[in-house]
Every structure is written in structure tokens, then in C-alpha cells.
Protein backbone atom coordinates (compact mmCIF):
# COMPACT_ATOMS: atom_id res chain seq x y z
CA MET A 1 7.94 -13.47 215.15
CA LEU A 2 6.43 -12.86 211.01
CA THR A 3 8.42 -10.71 208.89
CA ASP A 4 6.60 -8.65 206.48
CA ARG A 5 7.29 -10.84 203.74
CA ASP A 6 5.70 -13.67 205.70
CA SER A 7 2.91 -11.31 206.42
CA LYS A 8 2.36 -10.83 202.92
CA ALA A 9 2.65 -14.69 202.17
CA THR A 10 0.01 -15.49 204.67
CA ARG A 11 -2.46 -12.95 203.79
CA ARG A 12 -1.99 -14.25 199.85
CA HIS A 13 -2.57 -17.81 201.72
CA PHE A 14 -5.99 -16.20 203.63
CA LEU A 15 -7.31 -15.17 200.75
CA ALA A 16 -6.57 -17.89 198.14
CA THR A 17 -7.71 -20.65 200.48
CA HIS A 18 -10.89 -18.79 201.74
CA ALA A 19 -12.12 -15.90 198.59
CA MET A 20 -13.81 -19.01 197.01
CA GLY A 21 -14.83 -20.89 200.00
CA ILE A 22 -17.94 -23.00 199.77
CA GLY A 23 -19.46 -20.64 202.50
CA GLY A 24 -19.01 -17.55 200.68
CA THR A 25 -20.47 -19.43 197.61
CA ALA A 26 -23.53 -20.56 199.42
CA LEU A 27 -23.76 -16.93 200.72
CA ALA A 28 -23.75 -15.43 197.56
CA TRP A 29 -26.25 -17.73 196.42
CA LEU A 30 -28.71 -17.30 199.30
CA LEU A 31 -28.23 -13.59 199.24
CA HIS A 32 -29.42 -13.26 195.62
CA ARG A 33 -32.24 -15.76 196.08
CA GLU A 34 -33.67 -13.59 198.78
CA GLY A 35 -32.92 -10.21 196.82
CA LEU A 36 -30.27 -9.00 199.38
CA LEU A 37 -28.07 -8.11 197.10
CA ALA A 38 -27.12 -4.45 196.22
CA SER A 39 -28.33 -5.08 192.27
CA PRO A 40 -29.72 -8.01 190.50
CA ILE A 41 -26.91 -10.69 188.59
CA LYS A 42 -27.35 -9.84 184.98
CA PRO A 43 -26.13 -12.18 182.68
CA ASP A 44 -22.17 -11.27 182.49
CA LEU A 45 -21.34 -12.59 179.24
CA VAL A 46 -17.36 -11.87 179.18
CA ARG A 47 -16.56 -13.26 182.62
CA GLU A 48 -14.17 -16.08 182.66
CA SER A 49 -15.91 -17.33 186.10
CA HIS A 50 -19.09 -19.40 185.62
CA SER A 51 -22.20 -20.45 187.85
CA LEU A 52 -25.54 -22.09 187.46
CA LEU A 53 -26.59 -18.95 189.71
CA PRO A 54 -30.00 -17.36 188.15
CA LYS A 55 -29.72 -14.41 185.99
CA ALA A 56 -31.78 -11.40 184.98
CA PRO A 57 -32.97 -11.63 181.33
CA GLN A 58 -32.28 -8.69 179.01
CA ALA A 59 -35.87 -8.14 178.72
CA ALA A 60 -39.22 -9.17 180.18
CA PRO A 61 -39.80 -12.57 179.51
CA LYS A 62 -42.85 -14.51 178.22
CA SER A 63 -41.32 -18.12 179.09
CA ARG A 64 -39.21 -19.50 181.88
CA ALA A 65 -39.11 -23.24 180.58
CA MET A 66 -39.30 -25.15 177.39
CA ILE A 67 -39.57 -29.05 176.67
CA SER A 68 -38.47 -29.95 173.33
CA ILE A 69 -39.74 -33.17 171.58
CA PHE A 70 -37.62 -34.39 169.42
CA MET A 71 -38.80 -36.34 166.33
CA GLN A 72 -35.60 -37.88 165.49
CA GLY A 73 -35.43 -38.98 161.51
CA GLY A 74 -37.78 -36.65 160.17
CA PRO A 75 -41.71 -36.91 160.40
CA SER A 76 -43.47 -36.60 156.76
CA HIS A 77 -45.53 -33.29 156.70
CA ILE A 78 -46.87 -34.25 153.91
CA ASP A 79 -48.61 -37.13 155.56
CA LEU A 80 -49.19 -35.42 159.26
CA THR A 81 -49.62 -31.78 158.81
CA ASP A 82 -49.53 -30.40 155.60
CA PRO A 83 -52.14 -31.52 153.02
CA LYS A 84 -51.61 -31.34 149.59
CA PRO A 85 -54.57 -32.17 147.49
CA ILE A 86 -52.43 -32.15 143.68
CA LEU A 87 -50.35 -35.20 144.82
CA ASP A 88 -54.15 -37.13 144.30
CA LYS A 89 -54.40 -35.60 141.12
CA TYR A 90 -50.82 -36.64 139.77
CA ALA A 91 -50.56 -40.18 141.64
CA GLY A 92 -48.25 -42.20 139.91
CA GLN A 93 -47.31 -39.54 137.83
CA VAL A 94 -43.72 -38.41 136.73
CA PHE A 95 -43.23 -35.03 139.31
CA PRO A 96 -43.17 -32.06 136.74
CA GLY A 97 -40.44 -30.31 138.62
CA LYS A 98 -36.83 -30.89 140.00
CA ILE A 99 -36.18 -32.40 143.04
CA GLN A 100 -32.92 -33.23 145.39
CA TYR A 101 -32.74 -36.59 146.39
CA ASP A 102 -30.82 -37.86 149.39
CA ASN A 103 -31.05 -41.29 148.26
CA ALA A 104 -30.69 -41.42 144.05
CA ALA A 105 -30.05 -44.54 144.05
CA GLN A 106 -33.94 -45.74 145.26
CA ALA A 107 -35.15 -42.34 144.27
CA SER A 108 -38.34 -42.66 142.00
CA PRO A 109 -40.03 -39.37 140.22
CA LYS A 110 -43.20 -41.13 141.00
CA VAL A 111 -45.87 -38.88 142.94
CA LEU A 112 -46.86 -40.31 145.91
CA PRO A 113 -50.24 -39.23 147.53
CA SER A 114 -50.88 -39.69 151.37
CA PHE A 115 -52.58 -42.84 152.35
CA TRP A 116 -54.37 -40.99 155.00
CA LYS A 117 -57.04 -38.27 155.14
CA PHE A 118 -57.15 -35.05 156.49
CA GLN A 119 -59.64 -33.42 158.62
CA ARG A 120 -60.06 -29.95 160.50
CA HIS A 121 -59.67 -29.51 164.19
CA GLY A 122 -60.91 -26.75 166.96
CA GLN A 123 -62.21 -23.26 165.90
CA CYS A 124 -59.32 -22.57 164.27
CA GLY A 125 -60.01 -25.65 161.68
CA MET A 126 -55.94 -26.45 161.23
CA GLU A 127 -56.26 -29.67 159.11
CA LEU A 128 -54.44 -32.57 160.42
CA SER A 129 -54.05 -36.01 159.54
CA GLU A 130 -56.41 -38.97 160.90
CA LEU A 131 -52.76 -40.28 162.19
CA LEU A 132 -52.94 -37.36 164.92
CA PRO A 133 -56.06 -37.57 166.46
CA ASN A 134 -55.19 -36.13 169.74
CA LEU A 135 -52.96 -33.22 168.36
CA GLY A 136 -55.79 -32.35 166.95
CA SER A 137 -57.85 -32.16 170.16
CA ILE A 138 -54.91 -29.37 171.10
CA ALA A 139 -55.39 -27.64 168.01
CA ASP A 140 -56.65 -24.07 169.44
CA ASP A 141 -53.30 -24.28 171.84
CA VAL A 142 -50.71 -24.76 168.85
CA CYS A 143 -49.12 -22.84 166.39
CA LEU A 144 -48.40 -25.11 163.41
CA ILE A 145 -45.33 -24.18 161.16
CA ARG A 146 -45.32 -25.51 157.71
CA SER A 147 -42.73 -23.74 156.50
CA MET A 148 -39.43 -24.53 158.45
CA ARG A 149 -36.22 -24.60 156.51
CA THR A 150 -32.59 -25.94 157.30
CA ALA A 151 -32.09 -26.42 153.42
CA VAL A 152 -29.07 -29.00 154.55
CA ASN A 153 -30.18 -32.44 153.28
CA ASN A 154 -28.87 -34.75 155.75
CA HIS A 155 -29.87 -35.85 159.22
CA GLY A 156 -26.39 -34.70 161.24
CA GLN A 157 -25.79 -31.43 159.55
CA SER A 158 -30.14 -30.90 159.95
CA ILE A 159 -29.96 -31.50 163.31
CA ASP A 160 -26.77 -29.55 163.90
CA ALA A 161 -28.64 -26.61 162.73
CA LEU A 162 -32.05 -27.04 164.34
CA ASN A 163 -30.23 -27.83 167.44
CA SER A 164 -27.10 -25.58 167.87
CA GLY A 165 -27.45 -22.92 165.05
CA ARG A 166 -25.27 -23.74 162.09
CA PRO A 167 -25.09 -27.17 160.28
CA ILE A 168 -21.57 -28.01 161.65
CA SER A 169 -20.85 -30.33 164.64
CA GLY A 170 -19.24 -29.13 168.03
CA ARG A 171 -21.43 -26.03 168.33
CA PRO A 172 -23.34 -25.72 172.24
CA ALA A 173 -26.69 -27.03 171.96
CA LEU A 174 -29.81 -24.56 172.49
CA GLY A 175 -30.39 -25.92 175.99
CA SER A 176 -26.76 -24.94 176.88
CA TRP A 177 -27.43 -21.17 175.87
CA LEU A 178 -30.53 -21.06 177.66
CA THR A 179 -28.98 -22.18 180.59
CA TYR A 180 -25.53 -19.95 180.21
CA GLY A 181 -27.81 -16.96 179.80
CA LEU A 182 -30.50 -17.83 182.30
CA GLY A 183 -29.04 -19.92 184.82
CA SER A 184 -30.95 -22.67 187.14
CA GLN A 185 -34.10 -22.14 188.75
CA SER A 186 -33.29 -24.77 190.98
CA ASP A 187 -30.90 -25.32 193.74
CA ASN A 188 -31.23 -29.34 193.57
CA LEU A 189 -32.12 -29.98 190.20
CA PRO A 190 -30.05 -29.72 186.79
CA ALA A 191 -31.09 -26.64 184.50
CA TYR A 192 -30.95 -28.86 181.33
CA MET A 193 -31.97 -32.28 181.35
CA VAL A 194 -32.55 -35.24 178.45
CA LEU A 195 -34.94 -37.77 178.35
CA ARG A 196 -33.59 -40.36 176.01
CA ASP A 197 -34.96 -43.33 174.12
CA PRO A 198 -34.38 -46.83 175.48
CA ALA A 199 -33.96 -48.25 172.34
CA ASN A 200 -30.59 -46.19 171.39
CA LEU A 201 -29.31 -42.83 171.10
CA PRO A 202 -30.30 -40.31 168.14
CA VAL A 203 -28.10 -39.56 165.42
CA LEU A 204 -25.29 -37.76 166.60
CA GLY A 205 -25.37 -39.32 169.85
CA VAL A 206 -24.40 -37.07 173.19
CA LEU A 207 -23.24 -34.18 170.63
CA ASN A 208 -27.21 -33.46 170.59
CA TRP A 209 -26.91 -31.77 174.44
CA SER A 210 -23.32 -30.97 174.05
CA ALA A 211 -22.41 -27.50 175.67
CA GLY A 212 -19.94 -27.40 172.77
CA TRP A 213 -17.22 -24.60 173.71
CA LEU A 214 -19.42 -23.23 176.29
CA PRO A 215 -17.92 -24.24 179.56
CA SER A 216 -19.10 -28.07 180.13
CA LEU A 217 -21.25 -26.64 183.68
CA TYR A 218 -24.03 -25.95 181.10
CA GLN A 219 -24.33 -29.45 179.34
CA GLY A 220 -27.27 -31.28 179.20
CA THR A 221 -27.60 -34.15 182.31
CA VAL A 222 -29.03 -37.08 180.51
CA VAL A 223 -31.64 -39.22 182.66
CA ARG A 224 -31.68 -43.33 182.15
CA PRO A 225 -34.15 -44.54 179.95
CA ARG A 226 -35.45 -46.81 182.56
CA GLU A 227 -35.53 -47.61 185.89
CA PRO A 228 -33.41 -46.73 188.52
CA ARG A 229 -33.45 -43.52 186.17
CA ILE A 230 -30.20 -41.99 188.34
CA LEU A 231 -27.83 -44.91 189.51
CA ASN A 232 -26.23 -44.54 192.85
CA LEU A 233 -28.70 -42.05 194.34
CA GLU A 234 -28.96 -43.54 197.64
CA ALA A 235 -25.54 -43.43 199.57
CA PRO A 236 -24.68 -46.72 201.27
CA GLU A 237 -27.13 -47.06 204.61
CA HIS A 238 -23.32 -47.01 206.87
CA LEU A 239 -23.00 -43.53 205.06
CA ARG A 240 -26.11 -42.02 205.61
CA GLY A 241 -26.95 -38.58 207.54
CA GLN A 242 -24.24 -37.11 209.70
CA PRO A 243 -21.50 -39.28 208.20
CA GLN A 244 -22.21 -38.69 204.33
CA LYS A 245 -22.20 -34.55 205.27
CA GLN A 246 -19.27 -34.56 206.87
CA PHE A 247 -17.46 -36.39 203.76
CA LEU A 248 -19.36 -34.07 201.38
CA ASP A 249 -18.18 -30.90 203.44
CA LEU A 250 -14.58 -32.68 203.85
CA LEU A 251 -14.73 -32.98 199.81
CA SER A 252 -16.41 -29.62 199.02
CA GLU A 253 -13.17 -28.03 200.84
CA LEU A 254 -10.79 -29.96 198.97
CA ASN A 255 -12.11 -29.49 195.70
CA ARG A 256 -12.11 -25.74 196.49
CA GLU A 257 -8.75 -25.59 197.67
CA HIS A 258 -7.51 -27.59 194.71
CA LEU A 259 -9.81 -24.89 192.19
CA ASN A 260 -8.07 -22.07 193.99
CA ARG A 261 -4.22 -23.21 192.80
CA HIS A 262 -5.55 -23.74 189.40
CA PRO A 263 -7.51 -20.70 188.32
CA GLY A 264 -9.16 -20.38 185.51
CA GLU A 265 -9.97 -24.13 184.80
CA LEU A 266 -13.35 -23.92 183.54
CA ASP A 267 -13.61 -27.85 183.13
CA LEU A 268 -12.74 -28.10 187.10
CA ASP A 269 -15.10 -25.75 187.93
CA ALA A 270 -17.88 -26.97 186.30
CA ARG A 271 -16.69 -30.98 187.57
CA ILE A 272 -16.95 -29.37 191.15
CA ALA A 273 -20.52 -28.03 190.56
CA SER A 274 -21.31 -31.17 189.16
CA PHE A 275 -20.38 -33.09 192.21
CA GLU A 276 -22.25 -30.76 194.30
CA LEU A 277 -25.51 -30.51 192.33
CA ALA A 278 -25.27 -34.54 192.79
CA ALA A 279 -25.03 -34.65 196.35
CA ARG A 280 -28.08 -32.11 196.23
CA MET A 281 -29.76 -34.22 193.73
CA GLN A 282 -29.81 -37.44 195.96
CA MET A 283 -33.60 -36.37 197.40
CA ALA A 284 -35.17 -34.41 194.50
CA ALA A 285 -34.48 -36.02 191.60
CA GLY A 286 -35.56 -39.71 192.73
CA GLU A 287 -39.12 -37.56 194.15
CA ALA A 288 -39.37 -35.65 190.63
CA MET A 289 -38.86 -38.75 188.42
CA ASP A 290 -41.26 -40.87 190.32
CA VAL A 291 -44.59 -40.86 188.47
CA SER A 292 -45.81 -43.73 191.22
CA LYS A 293 -48.03 -40.93 193.44
CA GLU A 294 -49.22 -39.73 190.18
CA SER A 295 -53.51 -39.93 190.00
CA GLU A 296 -54.79 -42.43 187.72
CA VAL A 297 -56.42 -39.97 185.75
CA THR A 298 -53.12 -38.40 185.04
CA LYS A 299 -51.68 -41.67 184.02
CA ARG A 300 -54.32 -42.42 181.70
CA LEU A 301 -54.28 -39.22 180.51
CA TYR A 302 -50.30 -39.79 179.03
CA GLY A 303 -51.25 -43.36 178.06
CA ILE A 304 -49.12 -45.37 180.87
CA ASP A 305 -52.21 -47.76 181.14
CA GLN A 306 -51.06 -48.83 177.00
CA ASP A 307 -48.58 -50.93 175.97
CA SER A 308 -48.09 -48.89 173.02
CA THR A 309 -47.60 -45.29 174.90
CA ARG A 310 -46.38 -46.16 177.74
CA GLU A 311 -42.93 -45.50 177.67
CA PHE A 312 -43.21 -42.57 175.88
CA GLY A 313 -46.05 -40.98 177.89
CA THR A 314 -44.10 -41.73 181.06
CA ARG A 315 -41.15 -39.49 179.56
CA CYS A 316 -43.46 -36.59 178.97
CA LEU A 317 -44.85 -36.71 182.53
CA ILE A 318 -41.37 -36.71 183.92
CA ALA A 319 -40.48 -33.75 181.74
CA ARG A 320 -43.95 -31.96 183.28
CA ARG A 321 -42.75 -32.93 186.54
CA LEU A 322 -38.84 -31.63 185.68
CA VAL A 323 -40.43 -28.09 184.66
CA GLU A 324 -42.74 -28.02 187.57
CA ARG A 325 -39.58 -28.32 189.94
CA GLY A 326 -37.56 -25.81 188.20
CA VAL A 327 -36.02 -27.29 185.72
CA ARG A 328 -35.19 -24.63 182.77
CA PHE A 329 -35.21 -26.83 179.67
CA VAL A 330 -36.06 -30.63 179.11
CA GLN A 331 -35.40 -32.29 175.55
CA ILE A 332 -37.11 -36.00 174.78
CA PHE A 333 -35.44 -37.94 171.98
CA THR A 334 -36.97 -40.62 170.19
CA GLN A 335 -34.94 -43.46 168.96
CA ASN A 336 -32.28 -43.23 166.07
CA GLN A 337 -33.89 -42.78 162.62
CA PHE A 338 -37.44 -43.60 164.35
CA TRP A 339 -39.35 -41.17 161.58
CA ASP A 340 -36.28 -41.75 158.85
CA HIS A 341 -39.51 -43.56 156.26
CA HIS A 342 -37.53 -44.24 153.37
CA GLY A 343 -39.68 -47.58 153.18
CA ASN A 344 -42.38 -49.05 154.31
CA LEU A 345 -44.23 -45.80 155.28
CA LEU A 346 -47.81 -47.67 155.13
CA THR A 347 -46.91 -49.29 158.40
CA ALA A 348 -44.05 -47.41 160.15
CA LEU A 349 -45.64 -43.98 160.06
CA PRO A 350 -48.78 -45.07 162.19
CA ALA A 351 -46.60 -47.09 164.27
CA ALA A 352 -44.64 -43.75 165.23
CA CYS A 353 -47.49 -41.79 165.91
CA LYS A 354 -49.42 -44.43 167.93
CA LYS A 355 -46.37 -44.13 170.26
CA ILE A 356 -46.05 -40.06 170.50
CA ASP A 357 -49.59 -38.62 169.82
CA GLN A 358 -51.36 -39.18 172.80
CA PRO A 359 -48.47 -38.23 175.30
CA CYS A 360 -47.52 -35.36 173.62
CA ALA A 361 -51.20 -33.67 173.74
CA ALA A 362 -51.42 -35.13 176.92
CA LEU A 363 -48.10 -32.84 177.90
CA VAL A 364 -49.95 -29.55 176.79
CA LYS A 365 -53.23 -30.59 178.34
CA ASP A 366 -51.65 -30.82 181.79
CA LEU A 367 -49.22 -28.40 181.69
CA LYS A 368 -52.09 -26.12 180.76
CA SER A 369 -54.45 -27.41 183.50
CA ARG A 370 -51.31 -26.79 186.15
CA GLY A 371 -51.04 -23.03 185.13
CA LEU A 372 -47.78 -24.22 183.63
CA LEU A 373 -48.31 -23.94 179.69
CA ASP A 374 -48.41 -19.65 179.46
CA SER A 375 -44.85 -20.13 180.87
CA THR A 376 -43.56 -23.17 179.15
CA VAL A 377 -42.69 -23.37 175.65
CA VAL A 378 -43.31 -27.16 173.98
CA HIS A 379 -41.49 -27.75 170.79
CA TRP A 380 -42.71 -30.82 168.66
CA GLY A 381 -40.63 -31.83 165.46
CA GLY A 382 -37.79 -33.02 163.71
CA GLU A 383 -34.98 -31.84 161.48
CA MET A 384 -37.00 -32.28 158.10
CA GLY A 385 -39.78 -33.74 156.62
CA ARG A 386 -39.84 -36.29 153.51
CA LEU A 387 -40.33 -35.43 149.66
CA PRO A 388 -43.99 -35.88 147.40
CA VAL A 389 -42.32 -38.86 145.39
CA ILE A 390 -41.89 -42.58 145.57
CA GLN A 391 -38.53 -43.66 147.20
CA ASN A 392 -37.88 -47.71 147.20
CA ASP A 393 -41.04 -48.46 144.25
CA THR A 394 -41.15 -52.16 145.02
CA GLY A 395 -44.46 -52.17 146.21
CA ARG A 396 -47.42 -50.64 147.68
CA ASP A 397 -46.38 -51.98 151.31
CA ARG A 398 -42.64 -50.92 150.72
CA VAL A 399 -42.55 -47.18 149.56
CA GLY A 400 -41.21 -44.83 151.58
CA ARG A 401 -40.61 -40.78 151.07
CA ASP A 402 -36.83 -39.59 150.95
CA HIS A 403 -35.52 -36.37 153.01
CA ASN A 404 -37.04 -33.09 152.39
CA THR A 405 -34.92 -29.93 154.51
CA TYR A 406 -36.24 -26.98 151.82
CA GLY A 407 -39.87 -26.80 153.63
CA PHE A 408 -41.70 -29.06 156.56
CA SER A 409 -43.78 -28.75 159.70
CA SER A 410 -43.14 -28.18 163.58
CA TRP A 411 -45.44 -26.74 166.13
CA LEU A 412 -45.06 -24.87 169.24
CA ALA A 413 -47.44 -24.26 172.41
CA GLY A 414 -47.31 -22.13 175.20
CA GLY A 415 -44.62 -19.66 176.19
CA GLY A 416 -46.05 -16.76 174.82
CA ILE A 417 -46.67 -18.66 171.50
CA ARG A 418 -50.18 -17.91 169.70
CA GLY A 419 -52.17 -20.55 169.71
CA GLY A 420 -54.52 -21.85 167.20
CA HIS A 421 -52.46 -20.35 164.52
CA ILE A 422 -51.00 -21.66 161.32
CA HIS A 423 -47.64 -19.90 160.26
CA GLY A 424 -46.25 -20.17 156.41
CA THR A 425 -46.87 -22.83 153.50
CA THR A 426 -44.94 -24.83 150.99
CA ASP A 427 -45.47 -25.02 147.49
CA GLU A 428 -48.72 -26.91 146.18
CA TRP A 429 -46.09 -30.33 146.35
CA GLY A 430 -45.07 -29.77 149.93
CA LEU A 431 -41.44 -29.40 148.87
CA ASN A 432 -40.34 -25.88 149.33
CA ALA A 433 -41.37 -23.46 152.10
CA GLU A 434 -43.12 -20.80 149.70
CA SER A 435 -44.26 -17.88 152.06
CA ASP A 436 -43.32 -16.69 155.85
CA ILE A 437 -40.18 -19.33 155.81
CA VAL A 438 -39.19 -19.92 159.07
CA HIS A 439 -34.99 -20.96 158.66
CA HIS A 440 -33.27 -22.43 161.78
CA TYR A 441 -31.89 -19.35 162.86
CA ASP A 442 -35.30 -17.52 162.81
CA TYR A 443 -36.58 -20.26 165.05
CA HIS A 444 -33.80 -19.32 167.57
CA ALA A 445 -34.02 -15.78 168.01
CA THR A 446 -37.50 -16.25 168.50
CA LEU A 447 -36.98 -18.49 171.34
CA LEU A 448 -34.45 -16.46 173.06
CA HIS A 449 -36.70 -13.75 172.58
CA LEU A 450 -39.61 -15.60 174.33
CA PHE A 451 -37.06 -16.18 177.27
CA GLY A 452 -36.02 -12.22 177.19
CA LEU A 453 -32.75 -12.79 175.68
CA ASP A 454 -31.54 -11.11 172.15
CA HIS A 455 -29.57 -13.40 170.34
CA THR A 456 -27.70 -10.66 169.00
CA ARG A 457 -26.20 -9.88 172.77
CA LEU A 458 -26.23 -13.39 174.22
CA VAL A 459 -22.51 -13.69 173.51
CA TYR A 460 -19.94 -15.74 174.52
CA LYS A 461 -16.16 -14.83 173.93
CA ARG A 462 -14.39 -17.64 172.21
CA ASN A 463 -10.78 -17.31 171.44
CA ALA A 464 -10.99 -13.06 171.28
CA ILE A 465 -13.82 -13.57 169.22
CA GLU A 466 -17.61 -12.78 170.10
CA GLN A 467 -19.59 -15.89 168.93
CA THR A 468 -23.82 -16.10 169.51
CA LEU A 469 -26.35 -19.14 168.91
CA THR A 470 -27.62 -17.32 165.57
CA ASP A 471 -23.42 -16.00 164.67
CA GLY A 472 -24.28 -13.56 162.24
CA GLN A 473 -26.93 -15.19 160.17
CA PRO A 474 -29.96 -12.85 159.35
CA ALA A 475 -32.25 -14.18 161.76
CA ARG A 476 -35.42 -12.43 162.73
CA VAL A 477 -37.81 -12.68 165.73
CA VAL A 478 -41.10 -14.62 164.10
CA LYS A 479 -43.25 -11.74 165.72
CA GLU A 480 -46.18 -13.41 163.52
CA ILE A 481 -46.51 -16.48 166.02
CA LEU A 482 -46.34 -14.72 169.29
CA ALA A 483 -49.25 -14.24 171.13
């Protein structure tokens, strides 16, 4: 016969071993998904337990997903998106103002006009370089921001500012904040996925998709840049079917028991969730990344039939397929310093544009044709632009441009963004953002707004201090670029 003490111990044991069981978790997920809970799950931003269950936004959203095409290294806005006729007038002359150089040893004060011509595109008359003809074909769907600014003149710090809110490392990436605030839209795929370049990692490496001090549950899932995109997706033949199911059920039970013995271990919770997601991904992920069944028309649209655009076009097409299947945030990276043209601008810039121009435009066109552009934000841009003067003054074929984070360009499309619109200006030299400046924190506040989130209310309490993506900076929603 059990004593009262034994009974209490047994009840505690029962609750410890069953309250967080996989069955209860699955039941809560299914009840919420079917709308059978008493009230919708809202972003509970101070709880110590975390999951990827979908959470209701704080306001009606315009967008449900985002694809960020990050041009690491700093595309030259002066040569691509922001024509400056005065540079032709002063070509080769000493620049008449002050310039902050990143590489003073190779600096020259001589004005360098663009080697390429600009022309107007679309009904909006957007002026773009001849190097980006395909971008011109979607001009009326694009909002071109010519007044971006981070004002931190090194790659790493400017990437941090644009990707995680401040020019310091170790903070959560934008995709992590969105996943934290809204959860996942898919049972079988990660909410935040990264498509890196096969050549190498971008500057800052894996920190680009880190969850920082948010629970690691919200970090980006990296897809291999070559086939197979995910290793070990298929179980060994002798374990497939019922044997694998039984093994995974047992593993889930053991994991939950271990978690119950270590409450509050967020990394452990995240690791268990990752393992469970991996099991569900075995069928879904392979199908999502298999572009072989896409039509030949679609493949040609993305340039998969051409050597120069095949690799990048394939990643853009995979990004569309992931969003189509419920992935919340997809980020596509170019390789390390791909746009960092301190020299050889005359040949390096056309090659970079050739790789990405057709696939990027195809992504917008494809999303639009499938009815997905209205709910998907597409972003294109790097962490900086370039200066209006020569760097490496050793001959026409070898000149380049140094860094400029005080005024540069990015473009957005879809998901509540105003198409066919040019926002902001740089000065006549393309050196400083002059009107309607969009700081990195304004950019973040605006993106969160499109997802129905208030940048001041999406809060994570860290060491008793409430922190946000914009963290007390004078951020504003840039309503002028909203549809």
C-alpha cells in the first residue's frame, strides 16, 4: 500500500513524465491548426518556453513570407541604379568635397563616371543601368530605394546593421526575429532557410543567419549549395518504414523525458525540435528542392539553361518553391566579396550582373504569375554602395571604387510594397543620402510592419532587459514605400 508520501511522489513523477509528452505537444499543434483552441495563440514574448507553433501577428499583415537576395560586398549604385550625370562633367578632375575612404592607401580623389549608360524602364520611367536589363523588365513591380544608409564603412559592421539591427556582432538575424514573432507556416520545413553560394561563405560566415541570444530554435537552416542539398535525407533501406517510425517514437520519448529533467534548457529544447523537424523533412525537403519537375519554360525564365545563370537561377527557383510550401524567410547569398570591386570594375561588375540579373527578375515574375507576390516581400541589395572617385588608379582596366555606406540603393517588391516607385535621393555625386533617408533601423521597422509586427513590441527579455530588433533607435515605418 502506498503511503501519502509515495502517492505524492507518484503524482509528481506522472506529471513530470507526461505533461510535456510528444502526444500532448502534437495535440496542441493540431488543435491550434484546426482552430479548435479557445483563443488564438498570440506572440507571448516573455515566456521561457519556445516553439515554432504559428503565432498571430499584432496587426493585420500584408506579407506572410520574405525572400532576401543579399548581394554581399556592395554593388555600385552609381553604376547600376542611381545615375549621376555630373560625374561625366568632372571626369578625371579632383573631387571638390570631402570623402571618407576605407582604403586610403589606394585612394584617389579623381572623379570616376560610370562606364555604362542608363535608360528609363516601365511606365514609372525608372532609370537603370544597361547592365540590368531584366531588372528593367520588372520596374513597375519594384520600389527602388536610393537613400539607404548604415554609416558604418566596413563590410562586417554594415552587414550586422542591415541583418541584425546594429553594427555589432552576436545579435539575432532578421529571419530569426520573424520566426520568433510569428512561428512557422509549415509542419515539414524549417521556418527560416538559407541558400548560400557554392564558392564560399559570405563575410561573417554563419553569423549571417545566427539566432544570436534568441533561443537557437530560431536560427536559419542552411541548405547545401550543391546536390544533394541535404545530406542523409533517406534512411538506410533496412530502417525505412515501420522500423524507422518505432525508432523515432522511442527517441522522442527519451528526449522528452530528458527535457523534463532539465527544465528551462532552451538549447536542449531547440535541439529536440530540430531532430523532430528533421524526421518530418525526410520527404518534404527533397521534394521542395527538386527543380527537375519544373517546366522547361520556367527553367528558361530563371536562366537554368545558361552556364552564366544556372547556379544562381536554380537557387532563386528553390526559394520560390520553399515559400510556396510555407517557409517564412529565405535568404540567398552571393559569395564572399562578390560585389567588392576595389579594382577591375570594368570587367568584374558586368560579370556579377550577368549572374544575378535574369534570375532575380524571374523570381519576381514567377511569384507574381502564381499569385504569391502580393504576400511575399522580395529584397535585393548589399551592405553598401561605392564612391564616386577612382580607387586603384593604375589604368582604365584596373580602376575600382571604394566603400560607401552613407548613401546606396536597394530594391523591394511585393508583400505590400509600392511598385513602380523611386524613394529617396543621394546628392548630385551619389555620395550621401540626401532626402527621405532610409536607415537600416527604418528598413527593419518597415519590414516588421508588413508582417503585422510592431518593432517596439516584438520584445525578447534577456537578462531582465527587454530587447528588440531596432533596440531604441529612432526607427520609423517608411510609409511612403507602402502600397
